[in-house]
Amino acid sequence: MLTIAVMSVICGFEKFTEMELFAKEKEEWLRTFLTLESEIPSHDTFGNIFSMIDAKQFQKLFLEWTQNFRQELSGDVIAIDGKTIRGSKDGALAKRAVHI
Protein backbone atom coordinates (compact mmCIF):
# COMPACT_ATOMS: atom_id res chain seq x y z
CA MET A 1 0.00 0.00 0.00
CA LEU A 2 2.78 2.41 0.81
CA THR A 3 4.37 1.81 -2.58
CA ILE A 4 1.08 2.58 -4.31
CA ALA A 5 0.58 5.67 -2.16
CA VAL A 6 4.07 7.03 -2.84
CA MET A 7 3.80 6.38 -6.56
CA SER A 8 0.38 8.00 -6.82
CA VAL A 9 1.54 11.08 -4.86
CA ILE A 10 4.58 11.44 -7.13
CA CYS A 11 2.13 11.40 -10.05
CA GLY A 12 0.13 14.23 -8.46
CA PHE A 13 -2.67 12.27 -6.79
CA GLU A 14 -2.92 13.30 -3.13
CA LYS A 15 -6.35 12.14 -1.96
CA PHE A 16 -7.12 8.60 -0.87
CA THR A 17 -9.84 8.33 -3.53
CA GLU A 18 -7.25 9.31 -6.14
CA MET A 19 -4.80 6.69 -4.84
CA GLU A 20 -7.44 4.02 -5.25
CA LEU A 21 -8.25 5.17 -8.80
CA PHE A 22 -4.54 5.36 -9.70
CA ALA A 23 -4.00 1.80 -8.49
CA LYS A 24 -7.05 0.50 -10.35
CA GLU A 25 -5.91 2.18 -13.57
CA LYS A 26 -2.37 0.80 -13.18
CA GLU A 27 -3.28 -2.56 -11.61
CA GLU A 28 -1.92 -4.74 -14.40
CA TRP A 29 1.40 -2.89 -14.37
CA LEU A 30 1.58 -2.80 -10.55
CA ARG A 31 1.14 -6.58 -10.44
CA THR A 32 4.32 -7.00 -12.52
CA PHE A 33 6.44 -5.98 -9.50
CA LEU A 34 4.12 -5.94 -6.45
CA THR A 35 2.53 -8.91 -4.74
CA LEU A 36 -1.11 -7.92 -4.45
CA GLU A 37 -2.76 -10.82 -2.68
CA SER A 38 -6.25 -9.50 -3.24
CA GLU A 39 -7.94 -6.55 -4.86
CA ILE A 40 -6.69 -2.97 -4.91
CA PRO A 41 -7.13 -1.33 -1.48
CA SER A 42 -10.12 0.98 -1.21
CA HIS A 43 -9.81 4.66 -0.38
CA ASP A 44 -11.15 3.81 3.08
CA THR A 45 -8.33 1.31 3.59
CA PHE A 46 -5.75 3.92 2.53
CA GLY A 47 -7.33 6.34 5.00
CA ASN A 48 -7.36 3.80 7.82
CA ILE A 49 -3.73 2.83 7.30
CA PHE A 50 -2.48 6.41 7.05
CA SER A 51 -4.43 7.40 10.15
CA MET A 52 -2.33 4.86 12.09
CA ILE A 53 1.02 6.15 10.82
CA ASP A 54 3.08 8.53 12.93
CA ALA A 55 3.65 11.31 10.39
CA LYS A 56 6.95 12.52 11.89
CA GLN A 57 8.38 8.99 12.03
CA PHE A 58 7.19 8.22 8.49
CA GLN A 59 8.76 11.41 7.16
CA LYS A 60 12.06 10.62 8.93
CA LEU A 61 12.19 7.04 7.63
CA PHE A 62 11.10 8.02 4.13
CA LEU A 63 13.86 10.64 3.96
CA GLU A 64 16.43 8.10 5.17
CA TRP A 65 15.24 5.58 2.57
CA THR A 66 15.42 8.07 -0.29
CA GLN A 67 18.90 9.23 0.78
CA ASN A 68 20.15 5.63 0.90
CA PHE A 69 18.54 4.90 -2.46
CA ARG A 70 20.09 8.04 -3.97
CA GLN A 71 23.57 7.00 -2.85
CA GLU A 72 23.20 3.71 -4.75
CA LEU A 73 22.29 5.45 -8.01
CA SER A 74 24.85 6.42 -10.57
CA GLY A 75 24.26 9.28 -12.93
CA ASP A 76 21.70 12.02 -12.82
CA VAL A 77 18.99 12.17 -10.17
CA ILE A 78 15.69 13.96 -10.73
CA ALA A 79 14.61 15.95 -7.68
CA ILE A 80 10.97 15.58 -6.66
CA ASP A 81 9.50 18.15 -4.32
CA GLY A 82 7.70 17.10 -1.16
CA LYS A 83 4.01 16.26 -1.15
CA THR A 84 1.47 16.09 1.64
CA ILE A 85 -1.13 13.35 1.49
CA ARG A 86 -4.53 14.99 1.78
CA GLY A 87 -6.82 13.56 4.42
CA SER A 88 -3.99 11.99 6.42
CA LYS A 89 -4.27 14.57 9.22
CA ASP A 90 -6.42 13.62 12.19
CA GLY A 91 -7.00 16.54 14.53
CA ALA A 92 -8.99 14.44 17.00
CA LEU A 93 -5.97 12.17 17.51
CA ALA A 94 -3.47 15.06 17.21
CA LYS A 95 -1.86 13.40 14.16
CA ARG A 96 -0.09 15.54 11.59
CA ALA A 97 -0.57 15.03 7.88
CA VAL A 98 1.83 12.57 6.24
CA HIS A 99 4.43 14.35 4.12
CA ILE A 100 6.62 12.52 1.62
PDB file of N, CA and C in Angstrom:
ATOM      1  N   MET A   1       0.811  -1.197   0.000  1.00  0.00           N
ATOM      2  CA  MET A   1       0.000   0.000   0.000  1.00  0.00           C
ATOM      3  C   MET A   1       0.851   1.256   0.000  1.00  0.00           C
ATOM      4  N   LEU A   2       1.933   1.233   0.772  1.00  0.00           N
ATOM      5  CA  LEU A   2       2.784   2.415   0.814  1.00  0.00           C
ATOM      6  C   LEU A   2       3.420   2.681  -0.548  1.00  0.00           C
ATOM      7  N   THR A   3       3.797   1.633  -1.244  1.00  0.00           N
ATOM      8  CA  THR A   3       4.367   1.810  -2.579  1.00  0.00           C
ATOM      9  C   THR A   3       3.360   2.471  -3.509  1.00  0.00           C
ATOM     10  N   ILE A   4       2.134   1.994  -3.480  1.00  0.00           N
ATOM     11  CA  ILE A   4       1.081   2.581  -4.312  1.00  0.00           C
ATOM     12  C   ILE A   4       0.850   4.038  -3.916  1.00  0.00           C
ATOM     13  N   ALA A   5       0.812   4.308  -2.626  1.00  0.00           N
ATOM     14  CA  ALA A   5       0.579   5.672  -2.157  1.00  0.00           C
ATOM     15  C   ALA A   5       1.695   6.606  -2.606  1.00  0.00           C
ATOM     16  N   VAL A   6       2.942   6.184  -2.439  1.00  0.00           N
ATOM     17  CA  VAL A   6       4.071   7.028  -2.836  1.00  0.00           C
ATOM     18  C   VAL A   6       4.044   7.270  -4.338  1.00  0.00           C
ATOM     19  N   MET A   7       3.829   6.227  -5.108  1.00  0.00           N
ATOM     20  CA  MET A   7       3.796   6.378  -6.561  1.00  0.00           C
ATOM     21  C   MET A   7       2.670   7.303  -7.006  1.00  0.00           C
ATOM     22  N   SER A   8       1.511   7.161  -6.408  1.00  0.00           N
ATOM     23  CA  SER A   8       0.382   8.002  -6.817  1.00  0.00           C
ATOM     24  C   SER A   8       0.617   9.460  -6.423  1.00  0.00           C
ATOM     25  N   VAL A   9       1.237   9.703  -5.277  1.00  0.00           N
ATOM     26  CA  VAL A   9       1.536  11.077  -4.858  1.00  0.00           C
ATOM     27  C   VAL A   9       2.572  11.700  -5.791  1.00  0.00           C
ATOM     28  N   ILE A  10       3.582  10.939  -6.182  1.00  0.00           N
ATOM     29  CA  ILE A  10       4.577  11.441  -7.126  1.00  0.00           C
ATOM     30  C   ILE A  10       3.909  11.836  -8.438  1.00  0.00           C
ATOM     31  N   CYS A  11       2.858  11.104  -8.810  1.00  0.00           N
ATOM     32  CA  CYS A  11       2.125  11.402 -10.049  1.00  0.00           C
ATOM     33  C   CYS A  11       1.096  12.515  -9.876  1.00  0.00           C
ATOM     34  N   GLY A  12       1.010  13.088  -8.675  1.00  0.00           N
ATOM     35  CA  GLY A  12       0.129  14.226  -8.463  1.00  0.00           C
ATOM     36  C   GLY A  12      -1.198  13.911  -7.815  1.00  0.00           C
ATOM     37  N   PHE A  13      -1.412  12.668  -7.426  1.00  0.00           N
ATOM     38  CA  PHE A  13      -2.668  12.275  -6.786  1.00  0.00           C
ATOM     39  C   PHE A  13      -2.461  12.266  -5.282  1.00  0.00           C
ATOM     40  N   GLU A  14      -3.179  13.107  -4.557  1.00  0.00           N
ATOM     41  CA  GLU A  14      -2.917  13.298  -3.131  1.00  0.00           C
ATOM     42  C   GLU A  14      -4.051  12.847  -2.223  1.00  0.00           C
ATOM     43  N   LYS A  15      -5.218  12.585  -2.773  1.00  0.00           N
ATOM     44  CA  LYS A  15      -6.353  12.141  -1.960  1.00  0.00           C
ATOM     45  C   LYS A  15      -6.428  10.619  -1.989  1.00  0.00           C
ATOM     46  N   PHE A  16      -7.002  10.049  -0.943  1.00  0.00           N
ATOM     47  CA  PHE A  16      -7.124   8.599  -0.874  1.00  0.00           C
ATOM     48  C   PHE A  16      -7.979   8.046  -2.012  1.00  0.00           C
ATOM     49  N   THR A  17      -9.010   8.777  -2.401  1.00  0.00           N
ATOM     50  CA  THR A  17      -9.841   8.329  -3.529  1.00  0.00           C
ATOM     51  C   THR A  17      -9.015   8.307  -4.809  1.00  0.00           C
ATOM     52  N   GLU A  18      -8.103   9.270  -4.957  1.00  0.00           N
ATOM     53  CA  GLU A  18      -7.247   9.314  -6.141  1.00  0.00           C
ATOM     54  C   GLU A  18      -6.228   8.179  -6.131  1.00  0.00           C
ATOM     55  N   MET A  19      -5.744   7.816  -4.947  1.00  0.00           N
ATOM     56  CA  MET A  19      -4.801   6.694  -4.838  1.00  0.00           C
ATOM     57  C   MET A  19      -5.468   5.397  -5.290  1.00  0.00           C
ATOM     58  N   GLU A  20      -6.694   5.207  -4.853  1.00  0.00           N
ATOM     59  CA  GLU A  20      -7.441   4.017  -5.252  1.00  0.00           C
ATOM     60  C   GLU A  20      -7.637   3.987  -6.764  1.00  0.00           C
ATOM     61  N   LEU A  21      -8.044   5.104  -7.354  1.00  0.00           N
ATOM     62  CA  LEU A  21      -8.251   5.174  -8.802  1.00  0.00           C
ATOM     63  C   LEU A  21      -6.945   4.951  -9.566  1.00  0.00           C
ATOM     64  N   PHE A  22      -5.847   5.559  -9.082  1.00  0.00           N
ATOM     65  CA  PHE A  22      -4.537   5.364  -9.698  1.00  0.00           C
ATOM     66  C   PHE A  22      -4.195   3.879  -9.732  1.00  0.00           C
ATOM     67  N   ALA A  23      -4.359   3.217  -8.589  1.00  0.00           N
ATOM     68  CA  ALA A  23      -4.002   1.800  -8.493  1.00  0.00           C
ATOM     69  C   ALA A  23      -4.890   0.938  -9.393  1.00  0.00           C
ATOM     70  N   LYS A  24      -6.159   1.262  -9.477  1.00  0.00           N
ATOM     71  CA  LYS A  24      -7.053   0.496 -10.353  1.00  0.00           C
ATOM     72  C   LYS A  24      -6.683   0.680 -11.820  1.00  0.00           C
ATOM     73  N   GLU A  25      -6.321   1.902 -12.185  1.00  0.00           N
ATOM     74  CA  GLU A  25      -5.911   2.182 -13.569  1.00  0.00           C
ATOM     75  C   GLU A  25      -4.601   1.481 -13.918  1.00  0.00           C
ATOM     76  N   LYS A  26      -3.704   1.363 -12.955  1.00  0.00           N
ATOM     77  CA  LYS A  26      -2.373   0.801 -13.178  1.00  0.00           C
ATOM     78  C   LYS A  26      -2.223  -0.616 -12.618  1.00  0.00           C
ATOM     79  N   GLU A  27      -3.327  -1.261 -12.288  1.00  0.00           N
ATOM     80  CA  GLU A  27      -3.278  -2.557 -11.608  1.00  0.00           C
ATOM     81  C   GLU A  27      -2.444  -3.595 -12.356  1.00  0.00           C
ATOM     82  N   GLU A  28      -2.660  -3.738 -13.634  1.00  0.00           N
ATOM     83  CA  GLU A  28      -1.921  -4.745 -14.402  1.00  0.00           C
ATOM     84  C   GLU A  28      -0.413  -4.498 -14.311  1.00  0.00           C
ATOM     85  N   TRP A  29      -0.014  -3.248 -14.470  1.00  0.00           N
ATOM     86  CA  TRP A  29       1.396  -2.886 -14.373  1.00  0.00           C
ATOM     87  C   TRP A  29       1.927  -3.085 -12.956  1.00  0.00           C
ATOM     88  N   LEU A  30       1.156  -2.659 -11.950  1.00  0.00           N
ATOM     89  CA  LEU A  30       1.584  -2.804 -10.554  1.00  0.00           C
ATOM     90  C   LEU A  30       1.831  -4.268 -10.201  1.00  0.00           C
ATOM     91  N   ARG A  31       1.002  -5.155 -10.740  1.00  0.00           N
ATOM     92  CA  ARG A  31       1.144  -6.583 -10.436  1.00  0.00           C
ATOM     93  C   ARG A  31       2.400  -7.195 -11.056  1.00  0.00           C
ATOM     94  N   THR A  32       3.075  -6.475 -11.948  1.00  0.00           N
ATOM     95  CA  THR A  32       4.323  -6.999 -12.515  1.00  0.00           C
ATOM     96  C   THR A  32       5.484  -6.917 -11.521  1.00  0.00           C
ATOM     97  N   PHE A  33       5.355  -6.085 -10.473  1.00  0.00           N
ATOM     98  CA  PHE A  33       6.440  -5.982  -9.497  1.00  0.00           C
ATOM     99  C   PHE A  33       5.967  -5.931  -8.046  1.00  0.00           C
ATOM    100  N   LEU A  34       4.658  -5.891  -7.815  1.00  0.00           N
ATOM    101  CA  LEU A  34       4.121  -5.936  -6.452  1.00  0.00           C
ATOM    102  C   LEU A  34       3.308  -7.211  -6.259  1.00  0.00           C
ATOM    103  N   THR A  35       3.377  -7.773  -5.079  1.00  0.00           N
ATOM    104  CA  THR A  35       2.530  -8.905  -4.742  1.00  0.00           C
ATOM    105  C   THR A  35       1.249  -8.353  -4.131  1.00  0.00           C
ATOM    106  N   LEU A  36       0.193  -8.381  -4.917  1.00  0.00           N
ATOM    107  CA  LEU A  36      -1.108  -7.917  -4.446  1.00  0.00           C
ATOM    108  C   LEU A  36      -1.969  -9.164  -4.239  1.00  0.00           C
ATOM    109  N   GLU A  37      -2.095  -9.568  -2.987  1.00  0.00           N
ATOM    110  CA  GLU A  37      -2.762 -10.822  -2.679  1.00  0.00           C
ATOM    111  C   GLU A  37      -4.263 -10.787  -2.927  1.00  0.00           C
ATOM    112  N   SER A  38      -4.819  -9.610  -2.969  1.00  0.00           N
ATOM    113  CA  SER A  38      -6.250  -9.503  -3.237  1.00  0.00           C
ATOM    114  C   SER A  38      -6.471  -8.299  -4.138  1.00  0.00           C
ATOM    115  N   GLU A  39      -7.619  -7.685  -3.998  1.00  0.00           N
ATOM    116  CA  GLU A  39      -7.937  -6.545  -4.857  1.00  0.00           C
ATOM    117  C   GLU A  39      -7.187  -5.289  -4.422  1.00  0.00           C
ATOM    118  N   ILE A  40      -7.291  -4.262  -5.229  1.00  0.00           N
ATOM    119  CA  ILE A  40      -6.686  -2.967  -4.912  1.00  0.00           C
ATOM    120  C   ILE A  40      -7.339  -2.425  -3.644  1.00  0.00           C
ATOM    121  N   PRO A  41      -6.544  -1.882  -2.717  1.00  0.00           N
ATOM    122  CA  PRO A  41      -7.127  -1.334  -1.484  1.00  0.00           C
ATOM    123  C   PRO A  41      -8.088  -0.184  -1.800  1.00  0.00           C
ATOM    124  N   SER A  42      -9.149  -0.097  -1.039  1.00  0.00           N
ATOM    125  CA  SER A  42     -10.117   0.979  -1.210  1.00  0.00           C
ATOM    126  C   SER A  42      -9.572   2.276  -0.610  1.00  0.00           C
ATOM    127  N   HIS A  43     -10.216   3.377  -0.951  1.00  0.00           N
ATOM    128  CA  HIS A  43      -9.808   4.661  -0.378  1.00  0.00           C
ATOM    129  C   HIS A  43      -9.974   4.649   1.137  1.00  0.00           C
ATOM    130  N   ASP A  44     -10.972   3.915   1.627  1.00  0.00           N
ATOM    131  CA  ASP A  44     -11.154   3.808   3.082  1.00  0.00           C
ATOM    132  C   ASP A  44      -9.974   3.080   3.725  1.00  0.00           C
ATOM    133  N   THR A  45      -9.479   2.048   3.060  1.00  0.00           N
ATOM    134  CA  THR A  45      -8.328   1.314   3.587  1.00  0.00           C
ATOM    135  C   THR A  45      -7.093   2.205   3.609  1.00  0.00           C
ATOM    136  N   PHE A  46      -6.869   2.967   2.524  1.00  0.00           N
ATOM    137  CA  PHE A  46      -5.755   3.919   2.529  1.00  0.00           C
ATOM    138  C   PHE A  46      -5.894   4.880   3.710  1.00  0.00           C
ATOM    139  N   GLY A  47      -7.086   5.413   3.899  1.00  0.00           N
ATOM    140  CA  GLY A  47      -7.329   6.343   4.999  1.00  0.00           C
ATOM    141  C   GLY A  47      -7.071   5.713   6.354  1.00  0.00           C
ATOM    142  N   ASN A  48      -7.550   4.490   6.540  1.00  0.00           N
ATOM    143  CA  ASN A  48      -7.356   3.796   7.820  1.00  0.00           C
ATOM    144  C   ASN A  48      -5.886   3.549   8.107  1.00  0.00           C
ATOM    145  N   ILE A  49      -5.156   3.114   7.099  1.00  0.00           N
ATOM    146  CA  ILE A  49      -3.730   2.834   7.298  1.00  0.00           C
ATOM    147  C   ILE A  49      -2.958   4.120   7.598  1.00  0.00           C
ATOM    148  N   PHE A  50      -3.214   5.164   6.826  1.00  0.00           N
ATOM    149  CA  PHE A  50      -2.476   6.413   7.050  1.00  0.00           C
ATOM    150  C   PHE A  50      -2.872   7.087   8.355  1.00  0.00           C
ATOM    151  N   SER A  51      -4.047   6.825   8.859  1.00  0.00           N
ATOM    152  CA  SER A  51      -4.430   7.403  10.154  1.00  0.00           C
ATOM    153  C   SER A  51      -3.659   6.752  11.301  1.00  0.00           C
ATOM    154  N   MET A  52      -3.098   5.568  11.055  1.00  0.00           N
ATOM    155  CA  MET A  52      -2.333   4.859  12.087  1.00  0.00           C
ATOM    156  C   MET A  52      -0.843   5.189  12.042  1.00  0.00           C
ATOM    157  N   ILE A  53      -0.412   5.866  10.990  1.00  0.00           N
ATOM    158  CA  ILE A  53       1.015   6.151  10.822  1.00  0.00           C
ATOM    159  C   ILE A  53       1.400   7.420  11.569  1.00  0.00           C
ATOM    160  N   ASP A  54       2.503   7.347  12.280  1.00  0.00           N
ATOM    161  CA  ASP A  54       3.075   8.527  12.930  1.00  0.00           C
ATOM    162  C   ASP A  54       3.746   9.341  11.832  1.00  0.00           C
ATOM    163  N   ALA A  55       3.198  10.503  11.522  1.00  0.00           N
ATOM    164  CA  ALA A  55       3.654  11.311  10.391  1.00  0.00           C
ATOM    165  C   ALA A  55       5.127  11.709  10.511  1.00  0.00           C
ATOM    166  N   LYS A  56       5.560  12.114  11.695  1.00  0.00           N
ATOM    167  CA  LYS A  56       6.954  12.518  11.888  1.00  0.00           C
ATOM    168  C   LYS A  56       7.898  11.342  11.653  1.00  0.00           C
ATOM    169  N   GLN A  57       7.540  10.182  12.183  1.00  0.00           N
ATOM    170  CA  GLN A  57       8.377   8.993  12.028  1.00  0.00           C
ATOM    171  C   GLN A  57       8.402   8.547  10.566  1.00  0.00           C
ATOM    172  N   PHE A  58       7.256   8.591   9.900  1.00  0.00           N
ATOM    173  CA  PHE A  58       7.193   8.219   8.491  1.00  0.00           C
ATOM    174  C   PHE A  58       8.072   9.147   7.662  1.00  0.00           C
ATOM    175  N   GLN A  59       7.968  10.438   7.903  1.00  0.00           N
ATOM    176  CA  GLN A  59       8.762  11.409   7.161  1.00  0.00           C
ATOM    177  C   GLN A  59      10.258  11.152   7.375  1.00  0.00           C
ATOM    178  N   LYS A  60      10.648  10.887   8.607  1.00  0.00           N
ATOM    179  CA  LYS A  60      12.055  10.619   8.929  1.00  0.00           C
ATOM    180  C   LYS A  60      12.544   9.373   8.193  1.00  0.00           C
ATOM    181  N   LEU A  61      11.782   8.286   8.269  1.00  0.00           N
ATOM    182  CA  LEU A  61      12.191   7.041   7.633  1.00  0.00           C
ATOM    183  C   LEU A  61      12.165   7.141   6.108  1.00  0.00           C
ATOM    184  N   PHE A  62      11.179   7.855   5.573  1.00  0.00           N
ATOM    185  CA  PHE A  62      11.103   8.021   4.128  1.00  0.00           C
ATOM    186  C   PHE A  62      12.309   8.806   3.623  1.00  0.00           C
ATOM    187  N   LEU A  63      12.689   9.859   4.339  1.00  0.00           N
ATOM    188  CA  LEU A  63      13.863  10.642   3.961  1.00  0.00           C
ATOM    189  C   LEU A  63      15.129   9.791   4.018  1.00  0.00           C
ATOM    190  N   GLU A  64      15.279   8.990   5.069  1.00  0.00           N
ATOM    191  CA  GLU A  64      16.435   8.097   5.174  1.00  0.00           C
ATOM    192  C   GLU A  64      16.476   7.121   4.008  1.00  0.00           C
ATOM    193  N   TRP A  65      15.320   6.537   3.670  1.00  0.00           N
ATOM    194  CA  TRP A  65      15.242   5.576   2.574  1.00  0.00           C
ATOM    195  C   TRP A  65      15.633   6.229   1.252  1.00  0.00           C
ATOM    196  N   THR A  66      15.105   7.420   0.982  1.00  0.00           N
ATOM    197  CA  THR A  66      15.422   8.074  -0.287  1.00  0.00           C
ATOM    198  C   THR A  66      16.895   8.471  -0.358  1.00  0.00           C
ATOM    199  N   GLN A  67      17.475   8.877   0.770  1.00  0.00           N
ATOM    200  CA  GLN A  67      18.898   9.226   0.780  1.00  0.00           C
ATOM    201  C   GLN A  67      19.759   7.992   0.525  1.00  0.00           C
ATOM    202  N   ASN A  68      19.413   6.871   1.139  1.00  0.00           N
ATOM    203  CA  ASN A  68      20.151   5.629   0.902  1.00  0.00           C
ATOM    204  C   ASN A  68      20.004   5.180  -0.548  1.00  0.00           C
ATOM    205  N   PHE A  69      18.814   5.281  -1.072  1.00  0.00           N
ATOM    206  CA  PHE A  69      18.545   4.895  -2.455  1.00  0.00           C
ATOM    207  C   PHE A  69      19.339   5.788  -3.407  1.00  0.00           C
ATOM    208  N   ARG A  70      19.369   7.071  -3.132  1.00  0.00           N
ATOM    209  CA  ARG A  70      20.086   8.036  -3.975  1.00  0.00           C
ATOM    210  C   ARG A  70      21.571   7.715  -4.017  1.00  0.00           C
ATOM    211  N   GLN A  71      22.141   7.308  -2.906  1.00  0.00           N
ATOM    212  CA  GLN A  71      23.568   6.996  -2.852  1.00  0.00           C
ATOM    213  C   GLN A  71      23.912   5.797  -3.729  1.00  0.00           C
ATOM    214  N   GLU A  72      22.962   4.892  -3.933  1.00  0.00           N
ATOM    215  CA  GLU A  72      23.202   3.709  -4.749  1.00  0.00           C
ATOM    216  C   GLU A  72      23.074   3.986  -6.245  1.00  0.00           C
ATOM    217  N   LEU A  73      22.482   5.121  -6.602  1.00  0.00           N
ATOM    218  CA  LEU A  73      22.292   5.450  -8.011  1.00  0.00           C
ATOM    219  C   LEU A  73      23.559   6.037  -8.602  1.00  0.00           C
ATOM    220  N   SER A  74      23.765   5.752  -9.860  1.00  0.00           N
ATOM    221  CA  SER A  74      24.851   6.420 -10.568  1.00  0.00           C
ATOM    222  C   SER A  74      24.217   7.278 -11.652  1.00  0.00           C
ATOM    223  N   GLY A  75      24.805   8.404 -11.905  1.00  0.00           N
ATOM    224  CA  GLY A  75      24.265   9.281 -12.929  1.00  0.00           C
ATOM    225  C   GLY A  75      23.371  10.349 -12.344  1.00  0.00           C
ATOM    226  N   ASP A  76      22.555  10.916 -13.205  1.00  0.00           N
ATOM    227  CA  ASP A  76      21.696  12.024 -12.817  1.00  0.00           C
ATOM    228  C   ASP A  76      20.523  11.560 -11.955  1.00  0.00           C
ATOM    229  N   VAL A  77      20.135  12.413 -11.039  1.00  0.00           N
ATOM    230  CA  VAL A  77      18.985  12.166 -10.173  1.00  0.00           C
ATOM    231  C   VAL A  77      17.995  13.296 -10.393  1.00  0.00           C
ATOM    232  N   ILE A  78      16.737  12.951 -10.555  1.00  0.00           N
ATOM    233  CA  ILE A  78      15.694  13.959 -10.725  1.00  0.00           C
ATOM    234  C   ILE A  78      15.106  14.277  -9.360  1.00  0.00           C
ATOM    235  N   ALA A  79      15.156  15.536  -8.974  1.00  0.00           N
ATOM    236  CA  ALA A  79      14.606  15.951  -7.682  1.00  0.00           C
ATOM    237  C   ALA A  79      13.085  16.020  -7.766  1.00  0.00           C
ATOM    238  N   ILE A  80      12.432  15.520  -6.752  1.00  0.00           N
ATOM    239  CA  ILE A  80      10.974  15.579  -6.661  1.00  0.00           C
ATOM    240  C   ILE A  80      10.644  16.331  -5.386  1.00  0.00           C
ATOM    241  N   ASP A  81       9.827  17.369  -5.507  1.00  0.00           N
ATOM    242  CA  ASP A  81       9.502  18.155  -4.321  1.00  0.00           C
ATOM    243  C   ASP A  81       8.587  17.360  -3.398  1.00  0.00           C
ATOM    244  N   GLY A  82       8.515  17.778  -2.157  1.00  0.00           N
ATOM    245  CA  GLY A  82       7.700  17.098  -1.165  1.00  0.00           C
ATOM    246  C   GLY A  82       6.217  17.250  -1.433  1.00  0.00           C
ATOM    247  N   LYS A  83       5.465  16.266  -0.994  1.00  0.00           N
ATOM    248  CA  LYS A  83       4.013  16.264  -1.152  1.00  0.00           C
ATOM    249  C   LYS A  83       3.382  15.872   0.179  1.00  0.00           C
ATOM    250  N   THR A  84       2.236  16.446   0.452  1.00  0.00           N
ATOM    251  CA  THR A  84       1.472  16.090   1.638  1.00  0.00           C
ATOM    252  C   THR A  84       0.243  15.317   1.198  1.00  0.00           C
ATOM    253  N   ILE A  85       0.009  14.184   1.842  1.00  0.00           N
ATOM    254  CA  ILE A  85      -1.133  13.347   1.492  1.00  0.00           C
ATOM    255  C   ILE A  85      -2.381  13.934   2.130  1.00  0.00           C
ATOM    256  N   ARG A  86      -3.291  14.380   1.286  1.00  0.00           N
ATOM    257  CA  ARG A  86      -4.526  14.991   1.779  1.00  0.00           C
ATOM    258  C   ARG A  86      -5.369  13.974   2.540  1.00  0.00           C
ATOM    259  N   GLY A  87      -5.951  14.419   3.632  1.00  0.00           N
ATOM    260  CA  GLY A  87      -6.822  13.560   4.424  1.00  0.00           C
ATOM    261  C   GLY A  87      -6.090  12.711   5.437  1.00  0.00           C
ATOM    262  N   SER A  88      -4.739  12.815   5.465  1.00  0.00           N
ATOM    263  CA  SER A  88      -3.990  11.988   6.417  1.00  0.00           C
ATOM    264  C   SER A  88      -3.851  12.644   7.783  1.00  0.00           C
ATOM    265  N   LYS A  89      -4.295  13.883   7.926  1.00  0.00           N
ATOM    266  CA  LYS A  89      -4.269  14.567   9.221  1.00  0.00           C
ATOM    267  C   LYS A  89      -5.501  14.160  10.022  1.00  0.00           C
ATOM    268  N   ASP A  90      -5.305  13.946  11.309  1.00  0.00           N
ATOM    269  CA  ASP A  90      -6.424  13.616  12.188  1.00  0.00           C
ATOM    270  C   ASP A  90      -6.318  14.487  13.428  1.00  0.00           C
ATOM    271  N   GLY A  91      -7.045  15.598  13.419  1.00  0.00           N
ATOM    272  CA  GLY A  91      -7.000  16.542  14.531  1.00  0.00           C
ATOM    273  C   GLY A  91      -7.467  15.941  15.844  1.00  0.00           C
ATOM    274  N   ALA A  92      -8.448  15.052  15.782  1.00  0.00           N
ATOM    275  CA  ALA A  92      -8.989  14.443  16.995  1.00  0.00           C
ATOM    276  C   ALA A  92      -7.936  13.609  17.715  1.00  0.00           C
ATOM    277  N   LEU A  93      -7.030  12.990  16.932  1.00  0.00           N
ATOM    278  CA  LEU A  93      -5.966  12.167  17.506  1.00  0.00           C
ATOM    279  C   LEU A  93      -4.630  12.913  17.553  1.00  0.00           C
ATOM    280  N   ALA A  94      -4.656  14.201  17.224  1.00  0.00           N
ATOM    281  CA  ALA A  94      -3.465  15.058  17.209  1.00  0.00           C
ATOM    282  C   ALA A  94      -2.381  14.481  16.295  1.00  0.00           C
ATOM    283  N   LYS A  95      -2.807  13.950  15.127  1.00  0.00           N
ATOM    284  CA  LYS A  95      -1.856  13.397  14.162  1.00  0.00           C
ATOM    285  C   LYS A  95      -1.674  14.372  13.016  1.00  0.00           C
ATOM    286  N   ARG A  96      -0.421  14.673  12.699  1.00  0.00           N
ATOM    287  CA  ARG A  96      -0.088  15.541  11.586  1.00  0.00           C
ATOM    288  C   ARG A  96      -0.339  14.827  10.264  1.00  0.00           C
ATOM    289  N   ALA A  97      -0.442  15.601   9.217  1.00  0.00           N
ATOM    290  CA  ALA A  97      -0.569  15.028   7.882  1.00  0.00           C
ATOM    291  C   ALA A  97       0.747  14.358   7.489  1.00  0.00           C
ATOM    292  N   VAL A  98       0.645  13.280   6.710  1.00  0.00           N
ATOM    293  CA  VAL A  98       1.826  12.574   6.242  1.00  0.00           C
ATOM    294  C   VAL A  98       2.417  13.328   5.073  1.00  0.00           C
ATOM    295  N   HIS A  99       3.715  13.600   5.156  1.00  0.00           N
ATOM    296  CA  HIS A  99       4.425  14.350   4.124  1.00  0.00           C
ATOM    297  C   HIS A  99       5.544  13.474   3.566  1.00  0.00           C
ATOM    298  N   ILE A 100       5.550  13.334   2.235  1.00  0.00           N
ATOM    299  CA  ILE A 100       6.617  12.525   1.616  1.00  0.00           C
ATOM    300  C   ILE A 100       7.388  13.364   0.629  1.00  0.00           C
TER     301      ILE A 100
END
